């Protein structure tokens, strides 16, 4: 596929699901984030998983961009 074809056909998807994500899948996602390169591997980052209904409600009060996701 040509690059111009790729960028012409791209789209943004925000149809997130509220399905529960298995703990082992979240672990794989966190491991991928941990292994992802940063500039010279010297840029720190933090990852949180917000799952509880109370915490999700507080987050929804702070932003309009939750898109109905089950985990943030």
C-alpha atoms as a PDB file:
ATOM      1  CA  UNK A   1       0.000   0.000   0.000  1.00  0.00           C
ATOM      2  CA  UNK A   2       1.311   3.427  -0.925  1.00  0.00           C
ATOM      3  CA  UNK A   3       1.727   5.945   1.889  1.00  0.00           C
ATOM      4  CA  UNK A   4      -0.676   8.441   0.282  1.00  0.00           C
ATOM      5  CA  UNK A   5      -3.262   5.679   0.002  1.00  0.00           C
ATOM      6  CA  UNK A   6      -2.781   4.846   3.672  1.00  0.00           C
ATOM      7  CA  UNK A   7      -3.265   8.432   4.893  1.00  0.00           C
ATOM      8  CA  UNK A   8      -6.223   8.987   2.567  1.00  0.00           C
ATOM      9  CA  UNK A   9      -8.037   5.926   3.974  1.00  0.00           C
ATOM     10  CA  UNK A  10      -7.294   6.586   7.659  1.00  0.00           C
ATOM     11  CA  UNK A  11     -10.051   7.321  10.138  1.00  0.00           C
ATOM     12  CA  UNK A  12     -10.521   8.042  13.810  1.00  0.00           C
ATOM     13  CA  UNK A  13     -12.464   5.482  15.819  1.00  0.00           C
ATOM     14  CA  UNK A  14     -13.944   6.422  19.180  1.00  0.00           C
ATOM     15  CA  UNK A  15     -16.558   3.708  19.433  1.00  0.00           C
ATOM     16  CA  UNK A  16     -15.119   2.255  22.615  1.00  0.00           C
ATOM     17  CA  UNK A  17     -16.634  -0.645  24.503  1.00  0.00           C
ATOM     18  CA  UNK A  18     -17.568  -0.870  28.161  1.00  0.00           C
ATOM     19  CA  UNK A  19     -16.678  -4.582  28.194  1.00  0.00           C
ATOM     20  CA  UNK A  20     -14.455  -5.715  31.044  1.00  0.00           C
ATOM     21  CA  UNK A  21     -10.837  -6.162  29.994  1.00  0.00           C
ATOM     22  CA  UNK A  22      -9.252  -9.312  31.444  1.00  0.00           C
ATOM     23  CA  UNK A  23      -6.462  -8.673  33.937  1.00  0.00           C
ATOM     24  CA  UNK A  24      -3.902 -10.589  31.844  1.00  0.00           C
ATOM     25  CA  UNK A  25      -4.703  -8.438  28.791  1.00  0.00           C
ATOM     26  CA  UNK A  26      -4.175  -5.253  30.813  1.00  0.00           C
ATOM     27  CA  UNK A  27      -0.877  -6.711  31.981  1.00  0.00           C
ATOM     28  CA  UNK A  28       0.216  -7.254  28.374  1.00  0.00           C
ATOM     29  CA  UNK A  29      -0.750  -3.669  27.514  1.00  0.00           C
ATOM     30  CA  UNK A  30       1.259  -2.326  30.471  1.00  0.00           C
ATOM     31  CA  UNK A  31       4.233  -4.467  29.505  1.00  0.00           C
ATOM     32  CA  UNK A  32       4.111  -3.105  25.940  1.00  0.00           C
ATOM     33  CA  UNK A  33       4.057   0.438  27.348  1.00  0.00           C
ATOM     34  CA  UNK A  34       7.007  -0.354  29.593  1.00  0.00           C
ATOM     35  CA  UNK A  35       9.019  -1.722  26.666  1.00  0.00           C
ATOM     36  CA  UNK A  36       8.117   1.096  24.249  1.00  0.00           C
ATOM     37  CA  UNK A  37      11.132   3.285  23.527  1.00  0.00           C
ATOM     38  CA  UNK A  38      11.386   6.861  24.695  1.00  0.00           C
ATOM     39  CA  UNK A  39      14.031   9.403  23.713  1.00  0.00           C
ATOM     40  CA  UNK A  40      17.281   7.701  24.766  1.00  0.00           C
ATOM     41  CA  UNK A  41      15.095   5.707  27.197  1.00  0.00           C
ATOM     42  CA  UNK A  42      15.342   8.625  29.632  1.00  0.00           C
ATOM     43  CA  UNK A  43      11.811  10.047  29.499  1.00  0.00           C
ATOM     44  CA  UNK A  44       9.839   8.872  32.513  1.00  0.00           C
ATOM     45  CA  UNK A  45       6.133   8.151  32.213  1.00  0.00           C
ATOM     46  CA  UNK A  46       3.346   6.902  34.430  1.00  0.00           C
ATOM     47  CA  UNK A  47       0.492   4.569  33.542  1.00  0.00           C
ATOM     48  CA  UNK A  48      -2.696   4.241  35.560  1.00  0.00           C
ATOM     49  CA  UNK A  49      -5.670   1.951  35.024  1.00  0.00           C
ATOM     50  CA  UNK A  50      -8.879   3.534  36.252  1.00  0.00           C
ATOM     51  CA  UNK A  51     -11.551   0.855  36.523  1.00  0.00           C
ATOM     52  CA  UNK A  52     -13.795   1.404  39.532  1.00  0.00           C
ATOM     53  CA  UNK A  53     -17.171   3.018  38.826  1.00  0.00           C
ATOM     54  CA  UNK A  54     -16.495   5.777  41.390  1.00  0.00           C
ATOM     55  CA  UNK A  55     -13.112   6.670  39.901  1.00  0.00           C
ATOM     56  CA  UNK A  56     -14.545   6.579  36.364  1.00  0.00           C
ATOM     57  CA  UNK A  57     -17.355   8.931  37.432  1.00  0.00           C
ATOM     58  CA  UNK A  58     -14.820  11.381  38.898  1.00  0.00           C
ATOM     59  CA  UNK A  59     -12.804  11.245  35.697  1.00  0.00           C
ATOM     60  CA  UNK A  60     -15.957  11.866  33.641  1.00  0.00           C
ATOM     61  CA  UNK A  61     -16.553  15.020  35.713  1.00  0.00           C
ATOM     62  CA  UNK A  62     -13.089  16.273  34.798  1.00  0.00           C
ATOM     63  CA  UNK A  63     -13.249  15.627  31.042  1.00  0.00           C
ATOM     64  CA  UNK A  64     -15.755  15.123  28.249  1.00  0.00           C
ATOM     65  CA  UNK A  65     -13.455  12.660  26.499  1.00  0.00           C
ATOM     66  CA  UNK A  66     -14.267   9.343  28.147  1.00  0.00           C
ATOM     67  CA  UNK A  67     -16.142   7.940  25.120  1.00  0.00           C
ATOM     68  CA  UNK A  68     -17.853   5.324  27.287  1.00  0.00           C
ATOM     69  CA  UNK A  69     -14.713   3.280  27.858  1.00  0.00           C
ATOM     70  CA  UNK A  70     -14.733   0.693  30.629  1.00  0.00           C
ATOM     71  CA  UNK A  71     -11.098   1.344  31.629  1.00  0.00           C
ATOM     72  CA  UNK A  72      -9.122   4.553  31.436  1.00  0.00           C
END
